[in-house]
């Protein structure tokens, strides 16, 4: 399973939405009413558990959660 597929699975569970059509350009923060502060917290926890990364408080900003692609890029950087 690709990281995009894994992320979409996480988002589907968190947001209770069909994310099968989500790609890297899919907007999240500000575009989906379901993607609220609680969803962000859930996503951070799921990212850390699923991808084995540590999300630093200093990295948390709106840009990180703006699109599926921005989240994937962060996962890639944090996995190095």
PDB file of N, CA and C in Angstrom:
ATOM      1  N   UNK A   1       0.856  -1.183   0.000  1.00  0.00           N
ATOM      2  CA  UNK A   1       0.000   0.000   0.000  1.00  0.00           C
ATOM      3  C   UNK A   1       0.899   1.242   0.000  1.00  0.00           C
ATOM      4  N   UNK A   2       0.618   2.166  -0.880  1.00  0.00           N
ATOM      5  CA  UNK A   2       1.412   3.390  -0.965  1.00  0.00           C
ATOM      6  C   UNK A   2       1.107   4.309   0.220  1.00  0.00           C
ATOM      7  N   UNK A   3       1.993   5.265   0.432  1.00  0.00           N
ATOM      8  CA  UNK A   3       1.761   6.225   1.514  1.00  0.00           C
ATOM      9  C   UNK A   3       0.493   7.037   1.252  1.00  0.00           C
ATOM     10  N   UNK A   4       0.213   7.344  -0.015  1.00  0.00           N
ATOM     11  CA  UNK A   4      -1.023   8.068  -0.342  1.00  0.00           C
ATOM     12  C   UNK A   4      -2.236   7.237   0.052  1.00  0.00           C
ATOM     13  N   UNK A   5      -2.205   5.948  -0.272  1.00  0.00           N
ATOM     14  CA  UNK A   5      -3.323   5.074   0.086  1.00  0.00           C
ATOM     15  C   UNK A   5      -3.463   4.960   1.606  1.00  0.00           C
ATOM     16  N   UNK A   6      -2.346   4.859   2.301  1.00  0.00           N
ATOM     17  CA  UNK A   6      -2.380   4.792   3.757  1.00  0.00           C
ATOM     18  C   UNK A   6      -2.963   6.076   4.343  1.00  0.00           C
ATOM     19  N   UNK A   7      -2.517   7.212   3.822  1.00  0.00           N
ATOM     20  CA  UNK A   7      -3.018   8.501   4.304  1.00  0.00           C
ATOM     21  C   UNK A   7      -4.505   8.634   4.011  1.00  0.00           C
ATOM     22  N   UNK A   8      -4.930   8.237   2.834  1.00  0.00           N
ATOM     23  CA  UNK A   8      -6.360   8.318   2.495  1.00  0.00           C
ATOM     24  C   UNK A   8      -7.202   7.424   3.393  1.00  0.00           C
ATOM     25  N   UNK A   9      -6.665   6.279   3.773  1.00  0.00           N
ATOM     26  CA  UNK A   9      -7.370   5.391   4.698  1.00  0.00           C
ATOM     27  C   UNK A   9      -7.525   6.066   6.058  1.00  0.00           C
ATOM     28  N   UNK A  10      -6.459   6.690   6.525  1.00  0.00           N
ATOM     29  CA  UNK A  10      -6.513   7.424   7.795  1.00  0.00           C
ATOM     30  C   UNK A  10      -7.553   8.538   7.715  1.00  0.00           C
ATOM     31  N   UNK A  11      -7.508   9.312   6.631  1.00  0.00           N
ATOM     32  CA  UNK A  11      -8.448  10.429   6.474  1.00  0.00           C
ATOM     33  C   UNK A  11      -9.889   9.931   6.387  1.00  0.00           C
ATOM     34  N   UNK A  12     -10.106   8.821   5.707  1.00  0.00           N
ATOM     35  CA  UNK A  12     -11.460   8.263   5.593  1.00  0.00           C
ATOM     36  C   UNK A  12     -12.013   7.912   6.972  1.00  0.00           C
ATOM     37  N   UNK A  13     -11.167   7.315   7.795  1.00  0.00           N
ATOM     38  CA  UNK A  13     -11.599   6.929   9.138  1.00  0.00           C
ATOM     39  C   UNK A  13     -11.851   8.154  10.013  1.00  0.00           C
ATOM     40  N   UNK A  14     -10.952   9.130   9.937  1.00  0.00           N
ATOM     41  CA  UNK A  14     -11.085  10.330  10.760  1.00  0.00           C
ATOM     42  C   UNK A  14     -12.279  11.194  10.361  1.00  0.00           C
ATOM     43  N   UNK A  15     -12.434  11.382   9.057  1.00  0.00           N
ATOM     44  CA  UNK A  15     -13.416  12.342   8.545  1.00  0.00           C
ATOM     45  C   UNK A  15     -14.757  11.702   8.210  1.00  0.00           C
ATOM     46  N   UNK A  16     -14.797  10.381   8.204  1.00  0.00           N
ATOM     47  CA  UNK A  16     -16.019   9.655   7.821  1.00  0.00           C
ATOM     48  C   UNK A  16     -16.469  10.065   6.411  1.00  0.00           C
ATOM     49  N   UNK A  17     -15.470  10.120   5.505  1.00  0.00           N
ATOM     50  CA  UNK A  17     -15.713  10.496   4.112  1.00  0.00           C
ATOM     51  C   UNK A  17     -15.121   9.445   3.184  1.00  0.00           C
ATOM     52  N   UNK A  18     -15.609   9.404   1.947  1.00  0.00           N
ATOM     53  CA  UNK A  18     -15.008   8.580   0.908  1.00  0.00           C
ATOM     54  C   UNK A  18     -13.805   9.345   0.369  1.00  0.00           C
ATOM     55  N   UNK A  19     -12.618   8.833   0.636  1.00  0.00           N
ATOM     56  CA  UNK A  19     -11.396   9.519   0.198  1.00  0.00           C
ATOM     57  C   UNK A  19     -10.744   8.824  -0.993  1.00  0.00           C
ATOM     58  N   UNK A  20     -11.458   7.910  -1.634  1.00  0.00           N
ATOM     59  CA  UNK A  20     -10.875   7.145  -2.726  1.00  0.00           C
ATOM     60  C   UNK A  20     -10.438   8.020  -3.903  1.00  0.00           C
ATOM     61  N   UNK A  21     -11.027   9.187  -4.034  1.00  0.00           N
ATOM     62  CA  UNK A  21     -10.661  10.093  -5.131  1.00  0.00           C
ATOM     63  C   UNK A  21      -9.660  11.160  -4.694  1.00  0.00           C
ATOM     64  N   UNK A  22      -9.254  11.152  -3.434  1.00  0.00           N
ATOM     65  CA  UNK A  22      -8.293  12.145  -2.947  1.00  0.00           C
ATOM     66  C   UNK A  22      -6.939  11.911  -3.612  1.00  0.00           C
ATOM     67  N   UNK A  23      -6.321  12.989  -4.064  1.00  0.00           N
ATOM     68  CA  UNK A  23      -4.959  12.918  -4.576  1.00  0.00           C
ATOM     69  C   UNK A  23      -4.145  14.022  -3.907  1.00  0.00           C
ATOM     70  N   UNK A  24      -2.926  14.224  -4.359  1.00  0.00           N
ATOM     71  CA  UNK A  24      -2.045  15.172  -3.692  1.00  0.00           C
ATOM     72  C   UNK A  24      -2.555  16.613  -3.743  1.00  0.00           C
ATOM     73  N   UNK A  25      -3.406  16.930  -4.691  1.00  0.00           N
ATOM     74  CA  UNK A  25      -3.910  18.298  -4.801  1.00  0.00           C
ATOM     75  C   UNK A  25      -5.200  18.531  -4.002  1.00  0.00           C
ATOM     76  N   UNK A  26      -5.728  17.487  -3.384  1.00  0.00           N
ATOM     77  CA  UNK A  26      -6.971  17.621  -2.616  1.00  0.00           C
ATOM     78  C   UNK A  26      -6.745  18.536  -1.420  1.00  0.00           C
ATOM     79  N   UNK A  27      -7.545  19.592  -1.339  1.00  0.00           N
ATOM     80  CA  UNK A  27      -7.430  20.540  -0.237  1.00  0.00           C
ATOM     81  C   UNK A  27      -8.086  19.993   1.013  1.00  0.00           C
ATOM     82  N   UNK A  28      -7.453  20.269   2.148  1.00  0.00           N
ATOM     83  CA  UNK A  28      -7.965  19.785   3.430  1.00  0.00           C
ATOM     84  C   UNK A  28      -8.394  20.954   4.306  1.00  0.00           C
ATOM     85  N   UNK A  29      -7.444  21.563   4.982  1.00  0.00           N
ATOM     86  CA  UNK A  29      -7.735  22.618   5.949  1.00  0.00           C
ATOM     87  C   UNK A  29      -8.401  23.807   5.257  1.00  0.00           C
ATOM     88  N   UNK A  30      -9.582  24.149   5.727  1.00  0.00           N
ATOM     89  CA  UNK A  30     -10.329  25.258   5.145  1.00  0.00           C
ATOM     90  C   UNK A  30     -11.238  24.852   3.998  1.00  0.00           C
ATOM     91  N   UNK A  31     -11.024  23.659   3.452  1.00  0.00           N
ATOM     92  CA  UNK A  31     -11.833  23.206   2.321  1.00  0.00           C
ATOM     93  C   UNK A  31     -12.861  22.153   2.728  1.00  0.00           C
ATOM     94  N   UNK A  32     -12.550  21.398   3.755  1.00  0.00           N
ATOM     95  CA  UNK A  32     -13.457  20.355   4.235  1.00  0.00           C
ATOM     96  C   UNK A  32     -13.906  20.703   5.646  1.00  0.00           C
ATOM     97  N   UNK A  33     -15.202  20.868   5.827  1.00  0.00           N
ATOM     98  CA  UNK A  33     -15.707  21.233   7.154  1.00  0.00           C
ATOM     99  C   UNK A  33     -15.395  20.147   8.184  1.00  0.00           C
ATOM    100  N   UNK A  34     -15.274  18.906   7.725  1.00  0.00           N
ATOM    101  CA  UNK A  34     -14.966  17.804   8.633  1.00  0.00           C
ATOM    102  C   UNK A  34     -13.531  17.876   9.163  1.00  0.00           C
ATOM    103  N   UNK A  35     -12.664  18.568   8.433  1.00  0.00           N
ATOM    104  CA  UNK A  35     -11.253  18.655   8.818  1.00  0.00           C
ATOM    105  C   UNK A  35     -11.072  19.821   9.786  1.00  0.00           C
ATOM    106  N   UNK A  36     -11.447  19.551  11.038  1.00  0.00           N
ATOM    107  CA  UNK A  36     -11.384  20.576  12.080  1.00  0.00           C
ATOM    108  C   UNK A  36     -10.203  20.289  13.012  1.00  0.00           C
ATOM    109  N   UNK A  37     -10.131  21.023  14.107  1.00  0.00           N
ATOM    110  CA  UNK A  37      -8.987  20.878  15.021  1.00  0.00           C
ATOM    111  C   UNK A  37      -8.887  19.471  15.602  1.00  0.00           C
ATOM    112  N   UNK A  38     -10.011  18.857  15.879  1.00  0.00           N
ATOM    113  CA  UNK A  38      -9.983  17.492  16.404  1.00  0.00           C
ATOM    114  C   UNK A  38      -9.470  16.508  15.347  1.00  0.00           C
ATOM    115  N   UNK A  39      -9.831  16.727  14.099  1.00  0.00           N
ATOM    116  CA  UNK A  39      -9.338  15.880  13.013  1.00  0.00           C
ATOM    117  C   UNK A  39      -7.828  16.047  12.851  1.00  0.00           C
ATOM    118  N   UNK A  40      -7.338  17.270  13.019  1.00  0.00           N
ATOM    119  CA  UNK A  40      -5.892  17.525  12.925  1.00  0.00           C
ATOM    120  C   UNK A  40      -5.164  16.738  14.013  1.00  0.00           C
ATOM    121  N   UNK A  41      -5.666  16.787  15.232  1.00  0.00           N
ATOM    122  CA  UNK A  41      -5.043  16.048  16.340  1.00  0.00           C
ATOM    123  C   UNK A  41      -5.055  14.547  16.042  1.00  0.00           C
ATOM    124  N   UNK A  42      -6.178  14.046  15.558  1.00  0.00           N
ATOM    125  CA  UNK A  42      -6.272  12.631  15.201  1.00  0.00           C
ATOM    126  C   UNK A  42      -5.316  12.258  14.089  1.00  0.00           C
ATOM    127  N   UNK A  43      -5.176  13.143  13.107  1.00  0.00           N
ATOM    128  CA  UNK A  43      -4.272  12.887  11.986  1.00  0.00           C
ATOM    129  C   UNK A  43      -2.828  12.841  12.467  1.00  0.00           C
ATOM    130  N   UNK A  44      -2.451  13.758  13.330  1.00  0.00           N
ATOM    131  CA  UNK A  44      -1.080  13.771  13.853  1.00  0.00           C
ATOM    132  C   UNK A  44      -0.783  12.447  14.562  1.00  0.00           C
ATOM    133  N   UNK A  45      -1.693  12.022  15.424  1.00  0.00           N
ATOM    134  CA  UNK A  45      -1.515  10.764  16.154  1.00  0.00           C
ATOM    135  C   UNK A  45      -1.399   9.589  15.187  1.00  0.00           C
ATOM    136  N   UNK A  46      -2.284   9.543  14.208  1.00  0.00           N
ATOM    137  CA  UNK A  46      -2.272   8.448  13.229  1.00  0.00           C
ATOM    138  C   UNK A  46      -1.017   8.465  12.377  1.00  0.00           C
ATOM    139  N   UNK A  47      -0.531   9.653  12.015  1.00  0.00           N
ATOM    140  CA  UNK A  47       0.710   9.758  11.237  1.00  0.00           C
ATOM    141  C   UNK A  47       1.878   9.190  12.034  1.00  0.00           C
ATOM    142  N   UNK A  48       1.940   9.539  13.310  1.00  0.00           N
ATOM    143  CA  UNK A  48       3.039   9.062  14.143  1.00  0.00           C
ATOM    144  C   UNK A  48       2.989   7.543  14.290  1.00  0.00           C
ATOM    145  N   UNK A  49       1.806   7.003  14.490  1.00  0.00           N
ATOM    146  CA  UNK A  49       1.665   5.556  14.667  1.00  0.00           C
ATOM    147  C   UNK A  49       1.874   4.786  13.365  1.00  0.00           C
ATOM    148  N   UNK A  50       1.269   5.263  12.287  1.00  0.00           N
ATOM    149  CA  UNK A  50       1.305   4.540  11.019  1.00  0.00           C
ATOM    150  C   UNK A  50       2.660   4.614  10.331  1.00  0.00           C
ATOM    151  N   UNK A  51       3.251   5.805  10.339  1.00  0.00           N
ATOM    152  CA  UNK A  51       4.481   6.013   9.585  1.00  0.00           C
ATOM    153  C   UNK A  51       5.731   6.027  10.462  1.00  0.00           C
ATOM    154  N   UNK A  52       5.559   5.874  11.779  1.00  0.00           N
ATOM    155  CA  UNK A  52       6.702   5.811  12.675  1.00  0.00           C
ATOM    156  C   UNK A  52       7.507   7.097  12.724  1.00  0.00           C
ATOM    157  N   UNK A  53       6.818   8.217  12.652  1.00  0.00           N
ATOM    158  CA  UNK A  53       7.496   9.514  12.687  1.00  0.00           C
ATOM    159  C   UNK A  53       7.098  10.259  13.958  1.00  0.00           C
ATOM    160  N   UNK A  54       7.854  11.296  14.266  1.00  0.00           N
ATOM    161  CA  UNK A  54       7.510  12.194  15.369  1.00  0.00           C
ATOM    162  C   UNK A  54       7.188  13.552  14.764  1.00  0.00           C
ATOM    163  N   UNK A  55       6.004  14.039  14.997  1.00  0.00           N
ATOM    164  CA  UNK A  55       5.594  15.352  14.486  1.00  0.00           C
ATOM    165  C   UNK A  55       5.996  16.388  15.534  1.00  0.00           C
ATOM    166  N   UNK A  56       6.886  17.281  15.134  1.00  0.00           N
ATOM    167  CA  UNK A  56       7.382  18.317  16.038  1.00  0.00           C
ATOM    168  C   UNK A  56       6.398  19.472  16.132  1.00  0.00           C
ATOM    169  N   UNK A  57       6.204  19.973  17.346  1.00  0.00           N
ATOM    170  CA  UNK A  57       5.305  21.108  17.554  1.00  0.00           C
ATOM    171  C   UNK A  57       5.695  22.295  16.674  1.00  0.00           C
ATOM    172  N   UNK A  58       6.998  22.483  16.454  1.00  0.00           N
ATOM    173  CA  UNK A  58       7.476  23.609  15.640  1.00  0.00           C
ATOM    174  C   UNK A  58       7.032  23.505  14.185  1.00  0.00           C
ATOM    175  N   UNK A  59       6.693  22.298  13.749  1.00  0.00           N
ATOM    176  CA  UNK A  59       6.287  22.072  12.354  1.00  0.00           C
ATOM    177  C   UNK A  59       4.797  22.289  12.122  1.00  0.00           C
ATOM    178  N   UNK A  60       4.041  22.434  13.190  1.00  0.00           N
ATOM    179  CA  UNK A  60       2.587  22.522  13.069  1.00  0.00           C
ATOM    180  C   UNK A  60       2.155  23.917  12.638  1.00  0.00           C
ATOM    181  N   UNK A  61       1.655  23.995  11.419  1.00  0.00           N
ATOM    182  CA  UNK A  61       1.078  25.229  10.907  1.00  0.00           C
ATOM    183  C   UNK A  61       0.041  24.876   9.850  1.00  0.00           C
ATOM    184  N   UNK A  62      -0.698  25.867   9.434  1.00  0.00           N
ATOM    185  CA  UNK A  62      -1.783  25.629   8.472  1.00  0.00           C
ATOM    186  C   UNK A  62      -1.254  25.078   7.151  1.00  0.00           C
ATOM    187  N   UNK A  63      -0.064  25.493   6.746  1.00  0.00           N
ATOM    188  CA  UNK A  63       0.499  25.046   5.472  1.00  0.00           C
ATOM    189  C   UNK A  63       0.696  23.532   5.446  1.00  0.00           C
ATOM    190  N   UNK A  64       1.102  22.966   6.572  1.00  0.00           N
ATOM    191  CA  UNK A  64       1.313  21.515   6.653  1.00  0.00           C
ATOM    192  C   UNK A  64       0.045  20.754   6.310  1.00  0.00           C
ATOM    193  N   UNK A  65      -1.105  21.258   6.743  1.00  0.00           N
ATOM    194  CA  UNK A  65      -2.377  20.559   6.567  1.00  0.00           C
ATOM    195  C   UNK A  65      -3.227  21.128   5.433  1.00  0.00           C
ATOM    196  N   UNK A  66      -2.624  21.898   4.536  1.00  0.00           N
ATOM    197  CA  UNK A  66      -3.409  22.537   3.484  1.00  0.00           C
ATOM    198  C   UNK A  66      -3.909  21.559   2.428  1.00  0.00           C
ATOM    199  N   UNK A  67      -3.083  20.570   2.068  1.00  0.00           N
ATOM    200  CA  UNK A  67      -3.486  19.584   1.061  1.00  0.00           C
ATOM    201  C   UNK A  67      -2.990  18.196   1.454  1.00  0.00           C
ATOM    202  N   UNK A  68      -3.520  17.200   0.785  1.00  0.00           N
ATOM    203  CA  UNK A  68      -3.031  15.837   0.976  1.00  0.00           C
ATOM    204  C   UNK A  68      -1.544  15.786   0.620  1.00  0.00           C
ATOM    205  N   UNK A  69      -1.157  16.472  -0.427  1.00  0.00           N
ATOM    206  CA  UNK A  69       0.246  16.486  -0.857  1.00  0.00           C
ATOM    207  C   UNK A  69       1.173  17.115   0.167  1.00  0.00           C
ATOM    208  N   UNK A  70       0.728  18.167   0.834  1.00  0.00           N
ATOM    209  CA  UNK A  70       1.582  18.804   1.842  1.00  0.00           C
ATOM    210  C   UNK A  70       1.779  17.884   3.042  1.00  0.00           C
ATOM    211  N   UNK A  71       0.755  17.125   3.390  1.00  0.00           N
ATOM    212  CA  UNK A  71       0.886  16.148   4.477  1.00  0.00           C
ATOM    213  C   UNK A  71       1.840  15.032   4.051  1.00  0.00           C
ATOM    214  N   UNK A  72       1.684  14.545   2.821  1.00  0.00           N
ATOM    215  CA  UNK A  72       2.582  13.492   2.325  1.00  0.00           C
ATOM    216  C   UNK A  72       4.028  13.966   2.285  1.00  0.00           C
ATOM    217  N   UNK A  73       4.248  15.201   1.847  1.00  0.00           N
ATOM    218  CA  UNK A  73       5.606  15.743   1.795  1.00  0.00           C
ATOM    219  C   UNK A  73       6.219  15.791   3.191  1.00  0.00           C
ATOM    220  N   UNK A  74       5.424  16.157   4.176  1.00  0.00           N
ATOM    221  CA  UNK A  74       5.914  16.186   5.550  1.00  0.00           C
ATOM    222  C   UNK A  74       6.279  14.780   6.019  1.00  0.00           C
ATOM    223  N   UNK A  75       5.428  13.819   5.718  1.00  0.00           N
ATOM    224  CA  UNK A  75       5.708  12.414   6.093  1.00  0.00           C
ATOM    225  C   UNK A  75       7.011  11.967   5.471  1.00  0.00           C
ATOM    226  N   UNK A  76       7.214  12.286   4.212  1.00  0.00           N
ATOM    227  CA  UNK A  76       8.458  11.911   3.519  1.00  0.00           C
ATOM    228  C   UNK A  76       9.670  12.536   4.207  1.00  0.00           C
ATOM    229  N   UNK A  77       9.600  13.838   4.517  1.00  0.00           N
ATOM    230  CA  UNK A  77      10.725  14.526   5.172  1.00  0.00           C
ATOM    231  C   UNK A  77      10.990  13.943   6.554  1.00  0.00           C
ATOM    232  N   UNK A  78       9.929  13.675   7.294  1.00  0.00           N
ATOM    233  CA  UNK A  78      10.077  13.179   8.661  1.00  0.00           C
ATOM    234  C   UNK A  78      10.554  11.734   8.697  1.00  0.00           C
ATOM    235  N   UNK A  79      10.403  11.018   7.591  1.00  0.00           N
ATOM    236  CA  UNK A  79      10.801   9.614   7.534  1.00  0.00           C
ATOM    237  C   UNK A  79      12.282   9.441   7.243  1.00  0.00           C
ATOM    238  N   UNK A  80      12.946  10.513   6.883  1.00  0.00           N
ATOM    239  CA  UNK A  80      14.365  10.417   6.522  1.00  0.00           C
ATOM    240  C   UNK A  80      15.254  10.214   7.713  1.00  0.00           C
TER     241      UNK A  80
END
